[in-house]
Every structure is written in C-alpha cells, then in structure tokens.
N, C-alpha and C. Protein backbone atom coordinates (compact mmCIF):
# COMPACT_ATOMS: atom_id res chain seq x y z
N UNK A 1 72.52 92.35 114.37
CA UNK A 1 72.89 91.59 115.54
C UNK A 1 72.72 92.48 116.77
N UNK A 2 72.22 91.89 117.83
CA UNK A 2 72.06 92.64 119.06
C UNK A 2 73.25 92.40 119.99
N UNK A 3 73.37 93.24 120.99
CA UNK A 3 74.40 93.05 122.01
C UNK A 3 74.21 91.70 122.68
N UNK A 4 72.96 91.33 122.95
CA UNK A 4 72.69 90.03 123.59
C UNK A 4 73.17 88.87 122.71
N UNK A 5 72.95 88.97 121.41
CA UNK A 5 73.42 87.92 120.50
C UNK A 5 74.94 87.82 120.52
N UNK A 6 75.61 88.96 120.62
CA UNK A 6 77.07 88.93 120.72
C UNK A 6 77.49 88.30 122.05
N UNK A 7 76.82 88.65 123.13
CA UNK A 7 77.10 88.02 124.43
C UNK A 7 76.88 86.52 124.36
N UNK A 8 75.77 86.11 123.77
CA UNK A 8 75.41 84.69 123.68
C UNK A 8 76.37 83.90 122.79
N UNK A 9 77.03 84.58 121.86
CA UNK A 9 77.96 83.88 120.96
C UNK A 9 79.18 83.35 121.71
N UNK A 10 79.41 83.87 122.91
CA UNK A 10 80.56 83.49 123.75
C UNK A 10 81.90 83.77 123.04
N UNK A 11 81.85 84.67 122.06
CA UNK A 11 83.05 85.06 121.33
C UNK A 11 84.02 85.80 122.25
N UNK A 12 83.46 86.56 123.19
CA UNK A 12 84.25 87.37 124.11
C UNK A 12 83.82 87.11 125.54
N UNK A 13 84.73 87.32 126.47
CA UNK A 13 84.41 87.19 127.89
C UNK A 13 83.54 88.38 128.31
N UNK A 14 82.63 88.15 129.21
CA UNK A 14 81.77 89.22 129.70
C UNK A 14 82.44 89.88 130.90
N UNK A 15 82.69 91.19 130.77
CA UNK A 15 83.24 91.98 131.87
C UNK A 15 82.10 92.60 132.66
N UNK A 16 81.13 93.15 131.93
CA UNK A 16 79.95 93.73 132.55
C UNK A 16 78.79 93.63 131.56
N UNK A 17 77.71 92.99 131.99
CA UNK A 17 76.52 92.92 131.14
C UNK A 17 75.67 94.15 131.43
N UNK A 18 75.53 94.98 130.43
CA UNK A 18 74.79 96.23 130.60
C UNK A 18 73.30 96.03 130.59
N UNK A 19 72.59 97.14 130.61
CA UNK A 19 71.13 97.13 130.71
C UNK A 19 70.43 96.94 129.38
N UNK A 20 70.97 97.49 128.30
CA UNK A 20 70.27 97.49 127.00
C UNK A 20 70.88 96.45 126.06
N UNK A 21 70.77 95.18 126.44
CA UNK A 21 71.37 94.13 125.62
C UNK A 21 70.53 93.81 124.38
N UNK A 22 69.33 94.34 124.29
CA UNK A 22 68.51 94.16 123.09
C UNK A 22 68.89 95.15 121.99
N UNK A 23 69.81 96.04 122.30
CA UNK A 23 70.23 97.07 121.36
C UNK A 23 70.96 96.47 120.16
N UNK A 24 70.67 97.01 118.99
CA UNK A 24 71.33 96.57 117.76
C UNK A 24 72.76 97.10 117.69
N UNK A 25 73.64 96.28 117.19
CA UNK A 25 75.00 96.72 116.86
C UNK A 25 74.96 97.08 115.39
N UNK A 26 75.23 98.33 115.08
CA UNK A 26 75.09 98.81 113.70
C UNK A 26 76.37 98.72 112.90
N UNK A 27 77.51 98.74 113.58
CA UNK A 27 78.80 98.71 112.90
C UNK A 27 79.88 98.40 113.94
N UNK A 28 81.10 98.26 113.47
CA UNK A 28 82.25 98.05 114.35
C UNK A 28 83.13 99.28 114.24
N UNK A 29 83.69 99.73 115.37
CA UNK A 29 84.56 100.89 115.38
C UNK A 29 85.81 100.55 116.17
N UNK A 30 86.98 100.84 115.61
CA UNK A 30 88.26 100.58 116.28
C UNK A 30 89.00 101.90 116.44
N UNK A 31 89.36 102.21 117.68
CA UNK A 31 90.11 103.43 117.94
C UNK A 31 90.60 103.43 119.37
N UNK A 32 91.83 103.88 119.57
CA UNK A 32 92.38 103.96 120.92
C UNK A 32 92.65 105.39 121.37
N UNK A 33 92.35 106.34 120.53
CA UNK A 33 92.52 107.74 120.89
C UNK A 33 91.14 108.28 121.27
N UNK A 34 90.95 108.55 122.55
CA UNK A 34 89.62 108.88 123.05
C UNK A 34 89.03 110.13 122.39
N UNK A 35 89.85 111.12 122.09
CA UNK A 35 89.33 112.33 121.46
C UNK A 35 88.80 112.05 120.06
N UNK A 36 89.43 111.15 119.34
CA UNK A 36 88.94 110.75 118.01
C UNK A 36 87.66 109.94 118.16
N UNK A 37 87.67 108.98 119.08
CA UNK A 37 86.48 108.15 119.29
C UNK A 37 85.28 108.99 119.68
N UNK A 38 85.50 110.02 120.49
CA UNK A 38 84.41 110.87 120.94
C UNK A 38 83.71 111.53 119.76
N UNK A 39 84.46 111.92 118.76
CA UNK A 39 83.87 112.62 117.62
C UNK A 39 83.49 111.74 116.45
N UNK A 40 84.03 110.53 116.39
CA UNK A 40 83.83 109.72 115.19
C UNK A 40 83.17 108.36 115.41
N UNK A 41 83.07 107.91 116.63
CA UNK A 41 82.43 106.60 116.86
C UNK A 41 80.94 106.73 116.52
N UNK A 42 80.47 105.90 115.60
CA UNK A 42 79.05 106.00 115.23
C UNK A 42 78.14 105.45 116.33
N UNK A 43 77.00 106.05 116.50
CA UNK A 43 76.01 105.55 117.46
C UNK A 43 75.68 104.11 117.09
N UNK A 44 75.57 103.28 118.12
CA UNK A 44 75.22 101.88 117.89
C UNK A 44 76.39 100.97 117.58
N UNK A 45 77.59 101.51 117.61
CA UNK A 45 78.75 100.69 117.25
C UNK A 45 79.18 99.76 118.38
N UNK A 46 79.89 98.71 118.00
CA UNK A 46 80.64 97.90 118.95
C UNK A 46 82.04 98.48 118.88
N UNK A 47 82.47 99.11 119.94
CA UNK A 47 83.76 99.81 119.97
C UNK A 47 84.83 98.87 120.50
N UNK A 48 85.83 98.60 119.66
CA UNK A 48 86.94 97.73 120.04
C UNK A 48 88.14 98.61 120.36
N UNK A 49 88.69 98.45 121.57
CA UNK A 49 89.77 99.32 122.03
C UNK A 49 90.64 98.59 123.05
N UNK A 50 91.75 99.23 123.40
CA UNK A 50 92.59 98.73 124.49
C UNK A 50 92.63 99.73 125.64
N UNK A 51 91.88 100.80 125.52
CA UNK A 51 91.86 101.84 126.55
C UNK A 51 90.93 101.40 127.68
N UNK A 52 91.51 101.07 128.83
CA UNK A 52 90.73 100.48 129.90
C UNK A 52 90.55 101.37 131.12
N UNK A 53 90.17 102.61 130.91
CA UNK A 53 89.97 103.47 132.08
C UNK A 53 88.57 104.08 132.06
N UNK A 54 88.26 104.82 133.07
CA UNK A 54 86.93 105.38 133.24
C UNK A 54 86.55 106.35 132.10
N UNK A 55 87.55 106.98 131.50
CA UNK A 55 87.27 107.90 130.39
C UNK A 55 86.72 107.17 129.17
N UNK A 56 87.11 105.92 129.00
CA UNK A 56 86.59 105.11 127.90
C UNK A 56 85.07 104.97 128.03
N UNK A 57 84.60 104.77 129.24
CA UNK A 57 83.16 104.65 129.47
C UNK A 57 82.43 105.95 129.19
N UNK A 58 83.05 107.05 129.57
CA UNK A 58 82.44 108.36 129.30
C UNK A 58 82.31 108.59 127.80
N UNK A 59 83.36 108.26 127.06
CA UNK A 59 83.33 108.43 125.61
C UNK A 59 82.29 107.50 124.98
N UNK A 60 82.23 106.26 125.44
CA UNK A 60 81.24 105.32 124.91
C UNK A 60 79.83 105.83 125.14
N UNK A 61 79.60 106.40 126.29
CA UNK A 61 78.30 106.96 126.61
C UNK A 61 77.98 108.17 125.73
N UNK A 62 78.95 109.08 125.60
CA UNK A 62 78.75 110.26 124.74
C UNK A 62 78.53 109.88 123.28
N UNK A 63 79.27 108.89 122.81
CA UNK A 63 79.16 108.46 121.41
C UNK A 63 77.96 107.55 121.18
N UNK A 64 77.32 107.11 122.25
CA UNK A 64 76.16 106.22 122.17
C UNK A 64 76.52 104.86 121.57
N UNK A 65 77.69 104.34 121.96
CA UNK A 65 78.12 103.01 121.50
C UNK A 65 77.21 101.94 122.11
N UNK A 66 77.00 100.86 121.37
CA UNK A 66 76.18 99.76 121.88
C UNK A 66 76.91 98.96 122.95
N UNK A 67 78.23 98.81 122.77
CA UNK A 67 79.03 98.04 123.72
C UNK A 67 80.51 98.34 123.47
N UNK A 68 81.33 97.89 124.41
CA UNK A 68 82.78 98.05 124.31
C UNK A 68 83.40 96.66 124.36
N UNK A 69 84.39 96.43 123.51
CA UNK A 69 85.17 95.21 123.56
C UNK A 69 86.61 95.59 123.85
N UNK A 70 87.12 95.11 124.98
CA UNK A 70 88.51 95.35 125.36
C UNK A 70 89.35 94.26 124.70
N UNK A 71 90.23 94.65 123.77
CA UNK A 71 91.02 93.70 123.00
C UNK A 71 92.44 93.57 123.56
N UNK A 72 93.16 92.60 123.04
CA UNK A 72 94.58 92.38 123.34
C UNK A 72 94.86 92.18 124.83
N UNK A 73 93.87 91.63 125.54
CA UNK A 73 94.04 91.36 126.96
C UNK A 73 93.94 92.59 127.84
N UNK A 74 93.62 93.74 127.25
CA UNK A 74 93.45 94.97 128.04
C UNK A 74 92.25 94.79 128.95
N UNK A 75 92.32 95.40 130.11
CA UNK A 75 91.24 95.27 131.09
C UNK A 75 90.85 96.64 131.63
N UNK A 76 89.59 96.74 132.00
CA UNK A 76 89.14 97.95 132.70
C UNK A 76 89.73 97.93 134.09
N UNK A 77 90.12 99.09 134.60
CA UNK A 77 90.55 99.14 135.99
C UNK A 77 89.31 99.01 136.88
N UNK A 78 89.54 98.78 138.16
CA UNK A 78 88.45 98.51 139.11
C UNK A 78 87.41 99.63 139.13
N UNK A 79 87.86 100.86 139.10
CA UNK A 79 86.96 102.01 139.11
C UNK A 79 86.08 102.01 137.85
N UNK A 80 86.67 101.66 136.71
CA UNK A 80 85.92 101.64 135.45
C UNK A 80 84.89 100.52 135.44
N UNK A 81 85.20 99.36 136.01
CA UNK A 81 84.23 98.27 136.08
C UNK A 81 83.02 98.71 136.89
N UNK A 82 83.26 99.37 138.01
CA UNK A 82 82.15 99.87 138.84
C UNK A 82 81.32 100.89 138.07
N UNK A 83 81.97 101.74 137.32
CA UNK A 83 81.27 102.76 136.52
C UNK A 83 80.44 102.11 135.42
N UNK A 84 81.01 101.10 134.75
CA UNK A 84 80.27 100.38 133.70
C UNK A 84 79.01 99.76 134.28
N UNK A 85 79.15 99.18 135.46
CA UNK A 85 78.01 98.57 136.14
C UNK A 85 76.97 99.65 136.47
N UNK A 86 77.41 100.75 137.03
CA UNK A 86 76.51 101.83 137.42
C UNK A 86 75.80 102.48 136.24
N UNK A 87 76.48 102.53 135.10
CA UNK A 87 75.89 103.17 133.91
C UNK A 87 75.21 102.17 132.99
N UNK A 88 75.31 100.88 133.30
CA UNK A 88 74.65 99.86 132.48
C UNK A 88 75.30 99.66 131.13
N UNK A 89 76.61 99.86 131.05
CA UNK A 89 77.33 99.71 129.77
C UNK A 89 77.86 98.29 129.65
N UNK A 90 77.58 97.64 128.53
CA UNK A 90 78.09 96.29 128.29
C UNK A 90 79.54 96.37 127.85
N UNK A 91 80.38 95.62 128.55
CA UNK A 91 81.81 95.55 128.24
C UNK A 91 82.21 94.09 128.16
N UNK A 92 82.93 93.76 127.10
CA UNK A 92 83.45 92.41 126.90
C UNK A 92 84.96 92.48 126.75
N UNK A 93 85.61 91.34 126.86
CA UNK A 93 87.06 91.32 126.74
C UNK A 93 87.54 90.13 125.93
N UNK A 94 88.74 90.29 125.35
CA UNK A 94 89.35 89.23 124.56
C UNK A 94 90.86 89.40 124.54
N UNK A 95 91.55 88.32 124.29
CA UNK A 95 92.99 88.35 124.08
C UNK A 95 93.33 88.64 122.62
N UNK A 96 92.35 88.60 121.76
CA UNK A 96 92.58 88.83 120.32
C UNK A 96 93.08 90.24 120.05
N UNK A 97 93.88 90.40 118.99
CA UNK A 97 94.24 91.75 118.57
C UNK A 97 92.98 92.53 118.15
N UNK A 98 93.08 93.83 118.15
CA UNK A 98 91.94 94.68 117.82
C UNK A 98 91.33 94.31 116.47
N UNK A 99 92.16 94.16 115.44
CA UNK A 99 91.64 93.86 114.11
C UNK A 99 90.86 92.56 114.10
N UNK A 100 91.41 91.51 114.68
CA UNK A 100 90.75 90.21 114.68
C UNK A 100 89.44 90.24 115.46
N UNK A 101 89.43 90.93 116.58
CA UNK A 101 88.19 91.06 117.36
C UNK A 101 87.13 91.78 116.54
N UNK A 102 87.51 92.87 115.90
CA UNK A 102 86.57 93.63 115.08
C UNK A 102 86.09 92.81 113.89
N UNK A 103 86.98 92.08 113.27
CA UNK A 103 86.62 91.25 112.12
C UNK A 103 85.62 90.17 112.53
N UNK A 104 85.81 89.58 113.69
CA UNK A 104 84.86 88.56 114.16
C UNK A 104 83.47 89.14 114.36
N UNK A 105 83.38 90.35 114.87
CA UNK A 105 82.07 91.01 115.01
C UNK A 105 81.50 91.32 113.63
N UNK A 106 82.33 91.88 112.78
CA UNK A 106 81.90 92.25 111.43
C UNK A 106 81.28 91.06 110.70
N UNK A 107 81.92 89.91 110.83
CA UNK A 107 81.43 88.70 110.16
C UNK A 107 80.06 88.27 110.66
N UNK A 108 79.68 88.67 111.85
CA UNK A 108 78.37 88.30 112.40
C UNK A 108 77.28 89.31 112.06
N UNK A 109 77.66 90.47 111.55
CA UNK A 109 76.66 91.48 111.20
C UNK A 109 75.85 91.02 109.99
N UNK A 110 74.56 91.35 109.96
CA UNK A 110 73.74 91.03 108.78
C UNK A 110 74.30 91.68 107.52
N UNK A 111 74.03 91.08 106.39
CA UNK A 111 74.59 91.54 105.12
C UNK A 111 74.33 93.02 104.85
N UNK A 112 73.13 93.52 105.08
CA UNK A 112 72.82 94.92 104.79
C UNK A 112 73.66 95.87 105.64
N UNK A 113 74.01 95.46 106.86
CA UNK A 113 74.85 96.31 107.70
C UNK A 113 76.28 96.29 107.19
N UNK A 114 76.75 95.16 106.68
CA UNK A 114 78.09 95.08 106.12
C UNK A 114 78.23 95.99 104.91
N UNK A 115 77.21 96.02 104.07
CA UNK A 115 77.27 96.85 102.87
C UNK A 115 77.37 98.32 103.22
N UNK A 116 76.78 98.72 104.34
CA UNK A 116 76.82 100.12 104.77
C UNK A 116 78.23 100.49 105.27
N UNK A 117 79.01 99.51 105.72
CA UNK A 117 80.34 99.77 106.26
C UNK A 117 81.36 99.94 105.16
N UNK A 118 81.30 99.13 104.13
CA UNK A 118 82.34 99.18 103.08
C UNK A 118 82.11 100.21 102.05
C-alpha cells in the first residue's frame, strides 16, 4: 500500500500531504518515546504516535518513515505543521487509539507485508 492509497482511503484526516505519496508503506510502527523511535522505527513505516511536536518530524525524517499518523486526537503544534509542510512529510490524524489506528493500517497492507511483520 502506498501513502497515497492510505490518504485516499479517508481512514484518517489529512494534516499535511507530503511530497512522496507514491512511497510504499512497508509496516506499521507504534511508539511515543522519540529516542526509541529514532533507533527502531523501520524505514518505510507508517508511524502511529501521540507525540505532536517538531522533534517527531525530525525523528520521522531520520528513521525514513513513510508517514506519521497522530492518534488519540493528538495534534501537531503550529510550528510542527509548518515544518511538515517544508519537509514534505505526510501527516494524518485520528481520534482512534494508537492500537486501533495501527490495526486499521495493518489490515490494508498486502498479505506478503503482513507475513513479514508477524
């Protein structure tokens, strides 16, 4: 599944549509501790978090995440939205809990990608 396909699914609200929406989402990653996410978020992941500050964008960029999903009604602050726009990072939002948001993405991943996760 690509970032654009996730955007088109209307599963989540669009906070910022990034530049590389043709990018594949390879897995789902859930973490709210930025230092852990920096070292363990797999490249190409859809990162589900509640951390809504500019440091989240820096970590997503360093980890090479495909997109960020802000769960549980968490929102990026104004400075972070501007940074996401400037860096071309796709950010979506939802009121769903982290687990449910991640599960919804997981269910849309192709079968071969699911097998690699479990």
